[in-house]
Amino acid sequence: MGALSKQSSYGRAHALQAPTVQVKNTASPNAPSPSSAGLSAPWVGAWADTYGRKRACLAFCVSYALSCALIQFPFLPILFAGRALGGLSTSVLFSTFEGRLVNATSQYRVNLAEPLAFSAARR
């Protein structure tokens, strides 16, 4: 894209030059993250059911830490790999942790309608 320039009527009247703004494409390095999250979402829940939600939550911690480490490198393929791993981790985050919370509340008979501190204190 070229430079964007827009002149106001005040600028035209007083012969002022409008600043030019360079628009750069910043979407390309960030594209693998939502793509991998969307592509891996259907299988993350099945993987968590097969291997356990706790193990999936621990895998999220490791994969997200690795993703954060990989996106620090200025080399584009490593950056893409880090973003893709971050998308996969986000998919695990949005599915597995909520399932683990629901499972834990039913296992320990916690009523989420009340604050957790009050329901645990009544036992």
PDB file of N, CA and C in Angstrom:
ATOM      1  N   MET A   1       0.837  -1.172   0.000  1.00  0.00           N
ATOM      2  CA  MET A   1       0.000   0.000   0.000  1.00  0.00           C
ATOM      3  C   MET A   1       0.882   1.236   0.000  1.00  0.00           C
ATOM      4  N   GLY A   2       0.381   2.264  -0.587  1.00  0.00           N
ATOM      5  CA  GLY A   2       1.126   3.506  -0.646  1.00  0.00           C
ATOM      6  C   GLY A   2       0.884   4.368   0.574  1.00  0.00           C
ATOM      7  N   ALA A   3       1.368   5.584   0.465  1.00  0.00           N
ATOM      8  CA  ALA A   3       1.198   6.528   1.567  1.00  0.00           C
ATOM      9  C   ALA A   3      -0.212   7.092   1.538  1.00  0.00           C
ATOM     10  N   LEU A   4      -0.774   7.265   2.705  1.00  0.00           N
ATOM     11  CA  LEU A   4      -2.109   7.844   2.824  1.00  0.00           C
ATOM     12  C   LEU A   4      -1.973   9.323   3.141  1.00  0.00           C
ATOM     13  N   SER A   5      -2.717  10.138   2.433  1.00  0.00           N
ATOM     14  CA  SER A   5      -2.664  11.572   2.673  1.00  0.00           C
ATOM     15  C   SER A   5      -4.075  12.127   2.564  1.00  0.00           C
ATOM     16  N   LYS A   6      -4.489  12.844   3.587  1.00  0.00           N
ATOM     17  CA  LYS A   6      -5.814  13.458   3.575  1.00  0.00           C
ATOM     18  C   LYS A   6      -5.664  14.892   4.053  1.00  0.00           C
ATOM     19  N   GLN A   7      -6.142  15.811   3.249  1.00  0.00           N
ATOM     20  CA  GLN A   7      -5.993  17.214   3.580  1.00  0.00           C
ATOM     21  C   GLN A   7      -7.339  17.788   3.984  1.00  0.00           C
ATOM     22  N   SER A   8      -7.346  18.519   5.085  1.00  0.00           N
ATOM     23  CA  SER A   8      -8.578  19.160   5.543  1.00  0.00           C
ATOM     24  C   SER A   8      -8.783  20.484   4.804  1.00  0.00           C
ATOM     25  N   SER A   9      -9.975  21.035   4.940  1.00  0.00           N
ATOM     26  CA  SER A   9     -10.250  22.332   4.301  1.00  0.00           C
ATOM     27  C   SER A   9      -9.403  23.436   4.940  1.00  0.00           C
ATOM     28  N   TYR A  10      -9.117  23.326   6.225  1.00  0.00           N
ATOM     29  CA  TYR A  10      -8.244  24.293   6.897  1.00  0.00           C
ATOM     30  C   TYR A  10      -6.832  24.214   6.314  1.00  0.00           C
ATOM     31  N   GLY A  11      -6.380  22.977   6.087  1.00  0.00           N
ATOM     32  CA  GLY A  11      -5.049  22.796   5.514  1.00  0.00           C
ATOM     33  C   GLY A  11      -4.954  23.341   4.100  1.00  0.00           C
ATOM     34  N   ARG A  12      -6.035  23.160   3.315  1.00  0.00           N
ATOM     35  CA  ARG A  12      -6.033  23.707   1.955  1.00  0.00           C
ATOM     36  C   ARG A  12      -6.052  25.229   2.001  1.00  0.00           C
ATOM     37  N   ALA A  13      -6.802  25.809   2.921  1.00  0.00           N
ATOM     38  CA  ALA A  13      -6.913  27.267   3.002  1.00  0.00           C
ATOM     39  C   ALA A  13      -5.600  27.913   3.416  1.00  0.00           C
ATOM     40  N   HIS A  14      -4.835  27.247   4.247  1.00  0.00           N
ATOM     41  CA  HIS A  14      -3.585  27.828   4.742  1.00  0.00           C
ATOM     42  C   HIS A  14      -2.357  27.177   4.137  1.00  0.00           C
ATOM     43  N   ALA A  15      -2.556  26.387   3.107  1.00  0.00           N
ATOM     44  CA  ALA A  15      -1.469  25.733   2.367  1.00  0.00           C
ATOM     45  C   ALA A  15      -0.583  24.890   3.285  1.00  0.00           C
ATOM     46  N   LEU A  16      -1.219  24.109   4.148  1.00  0.00           N
ATOM     47  CA  LEU A  16      -0.473  23.218   5.036  1.00  0.00           C
ATOM     48  C   LEU A  16      -0.347  21.845   4.386  1.00  0.00           C
ATOM     49  N   GLN A  17       0.754  21.203   4.617  1.00  0.00           N
ATOM     50  CA  GLN A  17       0.968  19.867   4.095  1.00  0.00           C
ATOM     51  C   GLN A  17       0.495  18.848   5.128  1.00  0.00           C
ATOM     52  N   ALA A  18      -0.296  17.894   4.679  1.00  0.00           N
ATOM     53  CA  ALA A  18      -0.767  16.826   5.565  1.00  0.00           C
ATOM     54  C   ALA A  18       0.348  15.796   5.722  1.00  0.00           C
ATOM     55  N   PRO A  19       0.492  15.242   6.915  1.00  0.00           N
ATOM     56  CA  PRO A  19       1.526  14.218   7.102  1.00  0.00           C
ATOM     57  C   PRO A  19       1.146  12.938   6.347  1.00  0.00           C
ATOM     58  N   THR A  20       2.152  12.265   5.866  1.00  0.00           N
ATOM     59  CA  THR A  20       1.914  10.992   5.193  1.00  0.00           C
ATOM     60  C   THR A  20       2.159   9.864   6.186  1.00  0.00           C
ATOM     61  N   VAL A  21       1.367   8.827   6.080  1.00  0.00           N
ATOM     62  CA  VAL A  21       1.450   7.689   6.983  1.00  0.00           C
ATOM     63  C   VAL A  21       1.733   6.446   6.159  1.00  0.00           C
ATOM     64  N   GLN A  22       2.765   5.734   6.512  1.00  0.00           N
ATOM     65  CA  GLN A  22       3.072   4.490   5.825  1.00  0.00           C
ATOM     66  C   GLN A  22       2.303   3.358   6.488  1.00  0.00           C
ATOM     67  N   VAL A  23       1.562   2.592   5.709  1.00  0.00           N
ATOM     68  CA  VAL A  23       0.801   1.457   6.217  1.00  0.00           C
ATOM     69  C   VAL A  23       1.574   0.192   5.905  1.00  0.00           C
ATOM     70  N   LYS A  24       1.888  -0.568   6.941  1.00  0.00           N
ATOM     71  CA  LYS A  24       2.645  -1.805   6.761  1.00  0.00           C
ATOM     72  C   LYS A  24       1.753  -2.995   7.065  1.00  0.00           C
ATOM     73  N   ASN A  25       2.050  -4.086   6.440  1.00  0.00           N
ATOM     74  CA  ASN A  25       1.279  -5.303   6.650  1.00  0.00           C
ATOM     75  C   ASN A  25       1.808  -6.014   7.897  1.00  0.00           C
ATOM     76  N   THR A  26       1.039  -5.998   8.977  1.00  0.00           N
ATOM     77  CA  THR A  26       1.449  -6.672  10.210  1.00  0.00           C
ATOM     78  C   THR A  26       0.638  -7.919  10.479  1.00  0.00           C
ATOM     79  N   ALA A  27      -0.284  -8.261   9.585  1.00  0.00           N
ATOM     80  CA  ALA A  27      -1.142  -9.420   9.824  1.00  0.00           C
ATOM     81  C   ALA A  27      -0.440 -10.737   9.503  1.00  0.00           C
ATOM     82  N   SER A  28       0.527 -10.729   8.616  1.00  0.00           N
ATOM     83  CA  SER A  28       1.154 -11.978   8.184  1.00  0.00           C
ATOM     84  C   SER A  28       1.809 -12.770   9.312  1.00  0.00           C
ATOM     85  N   PRO A  29       2.647 -12.171  10.169  1.00  0.00           N
ATOM     86  CA  PRO A  29       3.246 -12.982  11.246  1.00  0.00           C
ATOM     87  C   PRO A  29       2.242 -13.464  12.277  1.00  0.00           C
ATOM     88  N   ASN A  30       1.102 -12.785  12.391  1.00  0.00           N
ATOM     89  CA  ASN A  30       0.109 -13.172  13.386  1.00  0.00           C
ATOM     90  C   ASN A  30      -0.935 -14.138  12.850  1.00  0.00           C
ATOM     91  N   ALA A  31      -0.948 -14.405  11.567  1.00  0.00           N
ATOM     92  CA  ALA A  31      -1.962 -15.264  10.957  1.00  0.00           C
ATOM     93  C   ALA A  31      -1.939 -16.713  11.435  1.00  0.00           C
ATOM     94  N   PRO A  32      -0.788 -17.317  11.708  1.00  0.00           N
ATOM     95  CA  PRO A  32      -0.826 -18.733  12.123  1.00  0.00           C
ATOM     96  C   PRO A  32      -1.529 -18.985  13.448  1.00  0.00           C
ATOM     97  N   SER A  33      -1.577 -18.009  14.330  1.00  0.00           N
ATOM     98  CA  SER A  33      -2.171 -18.235  15.648  1.00  0.00           C
ATOM     99  C   SER A  33      -3.670 -18.529  15.586  1.00  0.00           C
ATOM    100  N   PRO A  34      -4.492 -17.659  15.004  1.00  0.00           N
ATOM    101  CA  PRO A  34      -5.917 -18.012  14.941  1.00  0.00           C
ATOM    102  C   PRO A  34      -6.198 -19.171  13.992  1.00  0.00           C
ATOM    103  N   SER A  35      -5.370 -19.316  12.972  1.00  0.00           N
ATOM    104  CA  SER A  35      -5.564 -20.433  12.042  1.00  0.00           C
ATOM    105  C   SER A  35      -5.358 -21.767  12.731  1.00  0.00           C
ATOM    106  N   SER A  36      -4.267 -21.882  13.484  1.00  0.00           N
ATOM    107  CA  SER A  36      -4.011 -23.156  14.160  1.00  0.00           C
ATOM    108  C   SER A  36      -5.009 -23.385  15.287  1.00  0.00           C
ATOM    109  N   ALA A  37      -5.478 -22.320  15.925  1.00  0.00           N
ATOM    110  CA  ALA A  37      -6.494 -22.483  16.970  1.00  0.00           C
ATOM    111  C   ALA A  37      -7.789 -23.013  16.368  1.00  0.00           C
ATOM    112  N   GLY A  38      -8.181 -22.466  15.241  1.00  0.00           N
ATOM    113  CA  GLY A  38      -9.408 -22.915  14.600  1.00  0.00           C
ATOM    114  C   GLY A  38      -9.313 -24.316  14.042  1.00  0.00           C
ATOM    115  N   LEU A  39      -8.156 -24.667  13.499  1.00  0.00           N
ATOM    116  CA  LEU A  39      -7.985 -25.996  12.925  1.00  0.00           C
ATOM    117  C   LEU A  39      -7.840 -27.085  13.981  1.00  0.00           C
ATOM    118  N   SER A  40      -7.264 -26.740  15.120  1.00  0.00           N
ATOM    119  CA  SER A  40      -7.035 -27.759  16.151  1.00  0.00           C
ATOM    120  C   SER A  40      -8.182 -27.875  17.151  1.00  0.00           C
ATOM    121  N   ALA A  41      -9.096 -26.924  17.157  1.00  0.00           N
ATOM    122  CA  ALA A  41     -10.179 -26.915  18.142  1.00  0.00           C
ATOM    123  C   ALA A  41     -11.023 -28.187  18.147  1.00  0.00           C
ATOM    124  N   PRO A  42     -11.388 -28.760  17.004  1.00  0.00           N
ATOM    125  CA  PRO A  42     -12.224 -29.968  17.063  1.00  0.00           C
ATOM    126  C   PRO A  42     -11.531 -31.172  17.712  1.00  0.00           C
ATOM    127  N   TRP A  43     -10.204 -31.208  17.658  1.00  0.00           N
ATOM    128  CA  TRP A  43      -9.497 -32.377  18.190  1.00  0.00           C
ATOM    129  C   TRP A  43      -8.989 -32.177  19.615  1.00  0.00           C
ATOM    130  N   VAL A  44      -8.930 -30.956  20.082  1.00  0.00           N
ATOM    131  CA  VAL A  44      -8.401 -30.703  21.422  1.00  0.00           C
ATOM    132  C   VAL A  44      -9.296 -31.321  22.497  1.00  0.00           C
ATOM    133  N   GLY A  45     -10.594 -31.179  22.356  1.00  0.00           N
ATOM    134  CA  GLY A  45     -11.517 -31.750  23.343  1.00  0.00           C
ATOM    135  C   GLY A  45     -11.423 -33.269  23.397  1.00  0.00           C
ATOM    136  N   ALA A  46     -11.324 -33.904  22.232  1.00  0.00           N
ATOM    137  CA  ALA A  46     -11.195 -35.361  22.196  1.00  0.00           C
ATOM    138  C   ALA A  46      -9.868 -35.802  22.807  1.00  0.00           C
ATOM    139  N   TRP A  47      -8.817 -35.041  22.540  1.00  0.00           N
ATOM    140  CA  TRP A  47      -7.510 -35.368  23.110  1.00  0.00           C
ATOM    141  C   TRP A  47      -7.548 -35.227  24.636  1.00  0.00           C
ATOM    142  N   ALA A  48      -8.217 -34.188  25.110  1.00  0.00           N
ATOM    143  CA  ALA A  48      -8.322 -33.982  26.564  1.00  0.00           C
ATOM    144  C   ALA A  48      -9.165 -35.080  27.207  1.00  0.00           C
ATOM    145  N   ASP A  49     -10.215 -35.534  26.532  1.00  0.00           N
ATOM    146  CA  ASP A  49     -11.020 -36.626  27.073  1.00  0.00           C
ATOM    147  C   ASP A  49     -10.248 -37.939  27.090  1.00  0.00           C
ATOM    148  N   THR A  50      -9.403 -38.155  26.102  1.00  0.00           N
ATOM    149  CA  THR A  50      -8.641 -39.398  26.018  1.00  0.00           C
ATOM    150  C   THR A  50      -7.517 -39.444  27.053  1.00  0.00           C
ATOM    151  N   TYR A  51      -6.753 -38.383  27.150  1.00  0.00           N
ATOM    152  CA  TYR A  51      -5.568 -38.380  28.008  1.00  0.00           C
ATOM    153  C   TYR A  51      -5.785 -37.707  29.355  1.00  0.00           C
ATOM    154  N   GLY A  52      -6.909 -37.078  29.561  1.00  0.00           N
ATOM    155  CA  GLY A  52      -7.193 -36.436  30.839  1.00  0.00           C
ATOM    156  C   GLY A  52      -7.055 -34.929  30.752  1.00  0.00           C
ATOM    157  N   ARG A  53      -7.962 -34.256  31.439  1.00  0.00           N
ATOM    158  CA  ARG A  53      -7.957 -32.793  31.396  1.00  0.00           C
ATOM    159  C   ARG A  53      -6.787 -32.200  32.165  1.00  0.00           C
ATOM    160  N   LYS A  54      -6.400 -32.848  33.243  1.00  0.00           N
ATOM    161  CA  LYS A  54      -5.262 -32.338  34.011  1.00  0.00           C
ATOM    162  C   LYS A  54      -3.993 -32.396  33.175  1.00  0.00           C
ATOM    163  N   ARG A  55      -3.805 -33.483  32.457  1.00  0.00           N
ATOM    164  CA  ARG A  55      -2.632 -33.614  31.596  1.00  0.00           C
ATOM    165  C   ARG A  55      -2.686 -32.589  30.459  1.00  0.00           C
ATOM    166  N   ALA A  56      -3.870 -32.327  29.938  1.00  0.00           N
ATOM    167  CA  ALA A  56      -4.014 -31.322  28.886  1.00  0.00           C
ATOM    168  C   ALA A  56      -3.712 -29.919  29.421  1.00  0.00           C
ATOM    169  N   CYS A  57      -4.121 -29.648  30.652  1.00  0.00           N
ATOM    170  CA  CYS A  57      -3.819 -28.346  31.257  1.00  0.00           C
ATOM    171  C   CYS A  57      -2.315 -28.176  31.466  1.00  0.00           C
ATOM    172  N   LEU A  58      -1.656 -29.234  31.870  1.00  0.00           N
ATOM    173  CA  LEU A  58      -0.202 -29.170  32.024  1.00  0.00           C
ATOM    174  C   LEU A  58       0.492 -29.024  30.671  1.00  0.00           C
ATOM    175  N   ALA A  59      -0.053 -29.692  29.655  1.00  0.00           N
ATOM    176  CA  ALA A  59       0.494 -29.548  28.297  1.00  0.00           C
ATOM    177  C   ALA A  59       0.311 -28.118  27.798  1.00  0.00           C
ATOM    178  N   PHE A  60      -0.798 -27.480  28.174  1.00  0.00           N
ATOM    179  CA  PHE A  60      -1.004 -26.080  27.814  1.00  0.00           C
ATOM    180  C   PHE A  60       0.105 -25.212  28.400  1.00  0.00           C
ATOM    181  N   CYS A  61       0.416 -25.417  29.673  1.00  0.00           N
ATOM    182  CA  CYS A  61       1.446 -24.601  30.322  1.00  0.00           C
ATOM    183  C   CYS A  61       2.786 -24.730  29.610  1.00  0.00           C
ATOM    184  N   VAL A  62       3.145 -25.949  29.250  1.00  0.00           N
ATOM    185  CA  VAL A  62       4.423 -26.183  28.576  1.00  0.00           C
ATOM    186  C   VAL A  62       4.393 -25.600  27.164  1.00  0.00           C
ATOM    187  N   SER A  63       3.309 -25.861  26.416  1.00  0.00           N
ATOM    188  CA  SER A  63       3.261 -25.400  25.028  1.00  0.00           C
ATOM    189  C   SER A  63       3.167 -23.875  24.950  1.00  0.00           C
ATOM    190  N   TYR A  64       2.474 -23.254  25.871  1.00  0.00           N
ATOM    191  CA  TYR A  64       2.379 -21.797  25.831  1.00  0.00           C
ATOM    192  C   TYR A  64       3.712 -21.152  26.226  1.00  0.00           C
ATOM    193  N   ALA A  65       4.406 -21.742  27.184  1.00  0.00           N
ATOM    194  CA  ALA A  65       5.734 -21.228  27.546  1.00  0.00           C
ATOM    195  C   ALA A  65       6.696 -21.358  26.370  1.00  0.00           C
ATOM    196  N   LEU A  66       6.629 -22.488  25.671  1.00  0.00           N
ATOM    197  CA  LEU A  66       7.467 -22.678  24.493  1.00  0.00           C
ATOM    198  C   LEU A  66       7.087 -21.692  23.392  1.00  0.00           C
ATOM    199  N   SER A  67       5.796 -21.446  23.238  1.00  0.00           N
ATOM    200  CA  SER A  67       5.334 -20.468  22.253  1.00  0.00           C
ATOM    201  C   SER A  67       5.877 -19.078  22.569  1.00  0.00           C
ATOM    202  N   CYS A  68       5.817 -18.695  23.836  1.00  0.00           N
ATOM    203  CA  CYS A  68       6.341 -17.382  24.239  1.00  0.00           C
ATOM    204  C   CYS A  68       7.840 -17.277  23.998  1.00  0.00           C
ATOM    205  N   ALA A  69       8.546 -18.376  24.166  1.00  0.00           N
ATOM    206  CA  ALA A  69       9.992 -18.367  23.906  1.00  0.00           C
ATOM    207  C   ALA A  69      10.275 -18.277  22.408  1.00  0.00           C
ATOM    208  N   LEU A  70       9.496 -18.974  21.599  1.00  0.00           N
ATOM    209  CA  LEU A  70       9.756 -18.993  20.164  1.00  0.00           C
ATOM    210  C   LEU A  70       9.446 -17.670  19.474  1.00  0.00           C
ATOM    211  N   ILE A  71       8.475 -16.929  19.962  1.00  0.00           N
ATOM    212  CA  ILE A  71       8.134 -15.679  19.275  1.00  0.00           C
ATOM    213  C   ILE A  71       9.126 -14.555  19.571  1.00  0.00           C
ATOM    214  N   GLN A  72      10.140 -14.831  20.363  1.00  0.00           N
ATOM    215  CA  GLN A  72      11.172 -13.837  20.642  1.00  0.00           C
ATOM    216  C   GLN A  72      12.244 -13.806  19.558  1.00  0.00           C
ATOM    217  N   PHE A  73      12.293 -14.854  18.712  1.00  0.00           N
ATOM    218  CA  PHE A  73      13.306 -14.936  17.676  1.00  0.00           C
ATOM    219  C   PHE A  73      12.880 -14.146  16.446  1.00  0.00           C
ATOM    220  N   PRO A  74      13.802 -13.414  15.822  1.00  0.00           N
ATOM    221  CA  PRO A  74      13.452 -12.625  14.644  1.00  0.00           C
ATOM    222  C   PRO A  74      13.428 -13.423  13.340  1.00  0.00           C
ATOM    223  N   PHE A  75      13.633 -14.725  13.395  1.00  0.00           N
ATOM    224  CA  PHE A  75      13.643 -15.585  12.215  1.00  0.00           C
ATOM    225  C   PHE A  75      12.203 -16.008  11.904  1.00  0.00           C
ATOM    226  N   LEU A  76      11.717 -15.717  10.703  1.00  0.00           N
ATOM    227  CA  LEU A  76      10.306 -15.853  10.369  1.00  0.00           C
ATOM    228  C   LEU A  76       9.740 -17.269  10.529  1.00  0.00           C
ATOM    229  N   PRO A  77      10.415 -18.341  10.084  1.00  0.00           N
ATOM    230  CA  PRO A  77       9.828 -19.676  10.300  1.00  0.00           C
ATOM    231  C   PRO A  77       9.678 -20.041  11.779  1.00  0.00           C
ATOM    232  N   ILE A  78      10.612 -19.611  12.602  1.00  0.00           N
ATOM    233  CA  ILE A  78      10.501 -19.871  14.037  1.00  0.00           C
ATOM    234  C   ILE A  78       9.369 -19.034  14.627  1.00  0.00           C
ATOM    235  N   LEU A  79       9.213 -17.817  14.149  1.00  0.00           N
ATOM    236  CA  LEU A  79       8.105 -16.973  14.590  1.00  0.00           C
ATOM    237  C   LEU A  79       6.763 -17.602  14.223  1.00  0.00           C
ATOM    238  N   PHE A  80       6.661 -18.121  13.002  1.00  0.00           N
ATOM    239  CA  PHE A  80       5.431 -18.802  12.583  1.00  0.00           C
ATOM    240  C   PHE A  80       5.159 -20.021  13.446  1.00  0.00           C
ATOM    241  N   ALA A  81       6.199 -20.801  13.745  1.00  0.00           N
ATOM    242  CA  ALA A  81       6.015 -21.981  14.589  1.00  0.00           C
ATOM    243  C   ALA A  81       5.547 -21.579  15.985  1.00  0.00           C
ATOM    244  N   GLY A  82       6.117 -20.516  16.524  1.00  0.00           N
ATOM    245  CA  GLY A  82       5.688 -20.028  17.834  1.00  0.00           C
ATOM    246  C   GLY A  82       4.251 -19.553  17.837  1.00  0.00           C
ATOM    247  N   ARG A  83       3.849 -18.857  16.776  1.00  0.00           N
ATOM    248  CA  ARG A  83       2.464 -18.392  16.682  1.00  0.00           C
ATOM    249  C   ARG A  83       1.498 -19.561  16.519  1.00  0.00           C
ATOM    250  N   ALA A  84       1.881 -20.553  15.729  1.00  0.00           N
ATOM    251  CA  ALA A  84       1.020 -21.731  15.549  1.00  0.00           C
ATOM    252  C   ALA A  84       0.881 -22.499  16.866  1.00  0.00           C
ATOM    253  N   LEU A  85       1.969 -22.634  17.586  1.00  0.00           N
ATOM    254  CA  LEU A  85       1.919 -23.299  18.887  1.00  0.00           C
ATOM    255  C   LEU A  85       1.092 -22.485  19.880  1.00  0.00           C
ATOM    256  N   GLY A  86       1.153 -21.170  19.786  1.00  0.00           N
ATOM    257  CA  GLY A  86       0.321 -20.319  20.630  1.00  0.00           C
ATOM    258  C   GLY A  86      -1.157 -20.473  20.317  1.00  0.00           C
ATOM    259  N   GLY A  87      -1.489 -20.647  19.049  1.00  0.00           N
ATOM    260  CA  GLY A  87      -2.879 -20.880  18.674  1.00  0.00           C
ATOM    261  C   GLY A  87      -3.394 -22.210  19.194  1.00  0.00           C
ATOM    262  N   LEU A  88      -2.564 -23.230  19.096  1.00  0.00           N
ATOM    263  CA  LEU A  88      -2.925 -24.536  19.648  1.00  0.00           C
ATOM    264  C   LEU A  88      -3.116 -24.440  21.158  1.00  0.00           C
ATOM    265  N   SER A  89      -2.234 -23.724  21.814  1.00  0.00           N
ATOM    266  CA  SER A  89      -2.345 -23.543  23.262  1.00  0.00           C
ATOM    267  C   SER A  89      -3.615 -22.787  23.631  1.00  0.00           C
ATOM    268  N   THR A  90      -3.972 -21.797  22.846  1.00  0.00           N
ATOM    269  CA  THR A  90      -5.193 -21.043  23.104  1.00  0.00           C
ATOM    270  C   THR A  90      -6.419 -21.927  22.960  1.00  0.00           C
ATOM    271  N   SER A  91      -6.381 -22.824  22.007  1.00  0.00           N
ATOM    272  CA  SER A  91      -7.487 -23.755  21.830  1.00  0.00           C
ATOM    273  C   SER A  91      -7.629 -24.669  23.047  1.00  0.00           C
ATOM    274  N   VAL A  92      -6.507 -25.115  23.582  1.00  0.00           N
ATOM    275  CA  VAL A  92      -6.529 -25.929  24.807  1.00  0.00           C
ATOM    276  C   VAL A  92      -7.052 -25.091  25.975  1.00  0.00           C
ATOM    277  N   LEU A  93      -6.617 -23.852  26.052  1.00  0.00           N
ATOM    278  CA  LEU A  93      -7.039 -22.973  27.142  1.00  0.00           C
ATOM    279  C   LEU A  93      -8.543 -22.776  27.158  1.00  0.00           C
ATOM    280  N   PHE A  94      -9.142 -22.539  25.995  1.00  0.00           N
ATOM    281  CA  PHE A  94     -10.564 -22.225  25.946  1.00  0.00           C
ATOM    282  C   PHE A  94     -11.464 -23.445  26.036  1.00  0.00           C
ATOM    283  N   SER A  95     -10.922 -24.625  25.961  1.00  0.00           N
ATOM    284  CA  SER A  95     -11.786 -25.812  26.053  1.00  0.00           C
ATOM    285  C   SER A  95     -11.500 -26.640  27.301  1.00  0.00           C
ATOM    286  N   THR A  96     -10.266 -26.914  27.567  1.00  0.00           N
ATOM    287  CA  THR A  96      -9.914 -27.874  28.612  1.00  0.00           C
ATOM    288  C   THR A  96     -10.073 -27.309  30.016  1.00  0.00           C
ATOM    289  N   PHE A  97      -9.676 -26.084  30.235  1.00  0.00           N
ATOM    290  CA  PHE A  97      -9.741 -25.539  31.588  1.00  0.00           C
ATOM    291  C   PHE A  97     -11.176 -25.428  32.082  1.00  0.00           C
ATOM    292  N   GLU A  98     -12.080 -25.052  31.188  1.00  0.00           N
ATOM    293  CA  GLU A  98     -13.482 -24.959  31.594  1.00  0.00           C
ATOM    294  C   GLU A  98     -14.047 -26.347  31.895  1.00  0.00           C
ATOM    295  N   GLY A  99     -13.702 -27.326  31.092  1.00  0.00           N
ATOM    296  CA  GLY A  99     -14.143 -28.695  31.356  1.00  0.00           C
ATOM    297  C   GLY A  99     -13.593 -29.223  32.663  1.00  0.00           C
ATOM    298  N   ARG A 100     -12.340 -28.871  32.955  1.00  0.00           N
ATOM    299  CA  ARG A 100     -11.741 -29.296  34.226  1.00  0.00           C
ATOM    300  C   ARG A 100     -12.452 -28.634  35.405  1.00  0.00           C
ATOM    301  N   LEU A 101     -12.832 -27.372  35.267  1.00  0.00           N
ATOM    302  CA  LEU A 101     -13.555 -26.675  36.330  1.00  0.00           C
ATOM    303  C   LEU A 101     -14.917 -27.314  36.573  1.00  0.00           C
ATOM    304  N   VAL A 102     -15.637 -27.610  35.507  1.00  0.00           N
ATOM    305  CA  VAL A 102     -16.945 -28.248  35.650  1.00  0.00           C
ATOM    306  C   VAL A 102     -16.804 -29.622  36.287  1.00  0.00           C
ATOM    307  N   ASN A 103     -15.796 -30.375  35.856  1.00  0.00           N
ATOM    308  CA  ASN A 103     -15.561 -31.702  36.424  1.00  0.00           C
ATOM    309  C   ASN A 103     -15.200 -31.621  37.905  1.00  0.00           C
ATOM    310  N   ALA A 104     -14.355 -30.676  38.271  1.00  0.00           N
ATOM    311  CA  ALA A 104     -13.939 -30.545  39.668  1.00  0.00           C
ATOM    312  C   ALA A 104     -15.098 -30.105  40.554  1.00  0.00           C
ATOM    313  N   THR A 105     -15.958 -29.218  40.045  1.00  0.00           N
ATOM    314  CA  THR A 105     -17.082 -28.775  40.867  1.00  0.00           C
ATOM    315  C   THR A 105     -18.091 -29.894  41.088  1.00  0.00           C
ATOM    316  N   SER A 106     -18.288 -30.731  40.092  1.00  0.00           N
ATOM    317  CA  SER A 106     -19.215 -31.848  40.291  1.00  0.00           C
ATOM    318  C   SER A 106     -18.578 -32.937  41.152  1.00  0.00           C
ATOM    319  N   GLN A 107     -17.281 -33.104  41.050  1.00  0.00           N
ATOM    320  CA  GLN A 107     -16.588 -34.118  41.848  1.00  0.00           C
ATOM    321  C   GLN A 107     -16.585 -33.739  43.330  1.00  0.00           C
ATOM    322  N   TYR A 108     -16.350 -32.470  43.623  1.00  0.00           N
ATOM    323  CA  TYR A 108     -16.276 -32.032  45.014  1.00  0.00           C
ATOM    324  C   TYR A 108     -17.586 -31.431  45.509  1.00  0.00           C
ATOM    325  N   ARG A 109     -18.627 -31.497  44.694  1.00  0.00           N
ATOM    326  CA  ARG A 109     -19.968 -31.005  45.028  1.00  0.00           C
ATOM    327  C   ARG A 109     -19.962 -29.539  45.462  1.00  0.00           C
ATOM    328  N   VAL A 110     -19.300 -28.715  44.680  1.00  0.00           N
ATOM    329  CA  VAL A 110     -19.241 -27.281  44.944  1.00  0.00           C
ATOM    330  C   VAL A 110     -20.386 -26.621  44.190  1.00  0.00           C
ATOM    331  N   ASN A 111     -21.150 -25.791  44.877  1.00  0.00           N
ATOM    332  CA  ASN A 111     -22.243 -25.069  44.254  1.00  0.00           C
ATOM    333  C   ASN A 111     -21.704 -23.735  43.757  1.00  0.00           C
ATOM    334  N   LEU A 112     -21.672 -23.558  42.430  1.00  0.00           N
ATOM    335  CA  LEU A 112     -21.126 -22.326  41.874  1.00  0.00           C
ATOM    336  C   LEU A 112     -22.073 -21.148  41.993  1.00  0.00           C
ATOM    337  N   ALA A 113     -23.311 -21.394  42.418  1.00  0.00           N
ATOM    338  CA  ALA A 113     -24.245 -20.289  42.618  1.00  0.00           C
ATOM    339  C   ALA A 113     -23.838 -19.460  43.839  1.00  0.00           C
ATOM    340  N   GLU A 114     -23.159 -20.082  44.796  1.00  0.00           N
ATOM    341  CA  GLU A 114     -22.664 -19.378  45.976  1.00  0.00           C
ATOM    342  C   GLU A 114     -21.173 -19.107  45.798  1.00  0.00           C
ATOM    343  N   PRO A 115     -20.644 -18.123  46.484  1.00  0.00           N
ATOM    344  CA  PRO A 115     -19.193 -17.921  46.449  1.00  0.00           C
ATOM    345  C   PRO A 115     -18.472 -19.146  46.998  1.00  0.00           C
ATOM    346  N   LEU A 116     -17.331 -19.464  46.423  1.00  0.00           N
ATOM    347  CA  LEU A 116     -16.612 -20.678  46.798  1.00  0.00           C
ATOM    348  C   LEU A 116     -16.183 -20.682  48.267  1.00  0.00           C
ATOM    349  N   ALA A 117     -15.842 -19.537  48.793  1.00  0.00           N
ATOM    350  CA  ALA A 117     -15.386 -19.489  50.186  1.00  0.00           C
ATOM    351  C   ALA A 117     -16.507 -19.866  51.147  1.00  0.00           C
ATOM    352  N   PHE A 118     -17.717 -19.412  50.854  1.00  0.00           N
ATOM    353  CA  PHE A 118     -18.832 -19.700  51.758  1.00  0.00           C
ATOM    354  C   PHE A 118     -19.284 -21.157  51.645  1.00  0.00           C
ATOM    355  N   SER A 119     -19.273 -21.733  50.451  1.00  0.00           N
ATOM    356  CA  SER A 119     -19.721 -23.118  50.306  1.00  0.00           C
ATOM    357  C   SER A 119     -18.710 -24.082  50.937  1.00  0.00           C
ATOM    358  N   ALA A 120     -17.414 -23.746  50.894  1.00  0.00           N
ATOM    359  CA  ALA A 120     -16.413 -24.624  51.502  1.00  0.00           C
ATOM    360  C   ALA A 120     -16.445 -24.495  53.029  1.00  0.00           C
ATOM    361  N   ALA A 121     -16.815 -23.325  53.538  1.00  0.00           N
ATOM    362  CA  ALA A 121     -16.811 -23.103  54.990  1.00  0.00           C
ATOM    363  C   ALA A 121     -17.982 -23.804  55.671  1.00  0.00           C
ATOM    364  N   ARG A 122     -19.034 -24.106  54.961  1.00  0.00           N
ATOM    365  CA  ARG A 122     -20.210 -24.717  55.567  1.00  0.00           C
ATOM    366  C   ARG A 122     -20.063 -26.206  55.797  1.00  0.00           C
ATOM    367  N   ARG A 123     -19.077 -26.827  55.259  1.00  0.00           N
ATOM    368  CA  ARG A 123     -18.931 -28.279  55.383  1.00  0.00           C
ATOM    369  C   ARG A 123     -18.472 -28.700  56.739  1.00  0.00           C
TER     370      ARG A 123
END
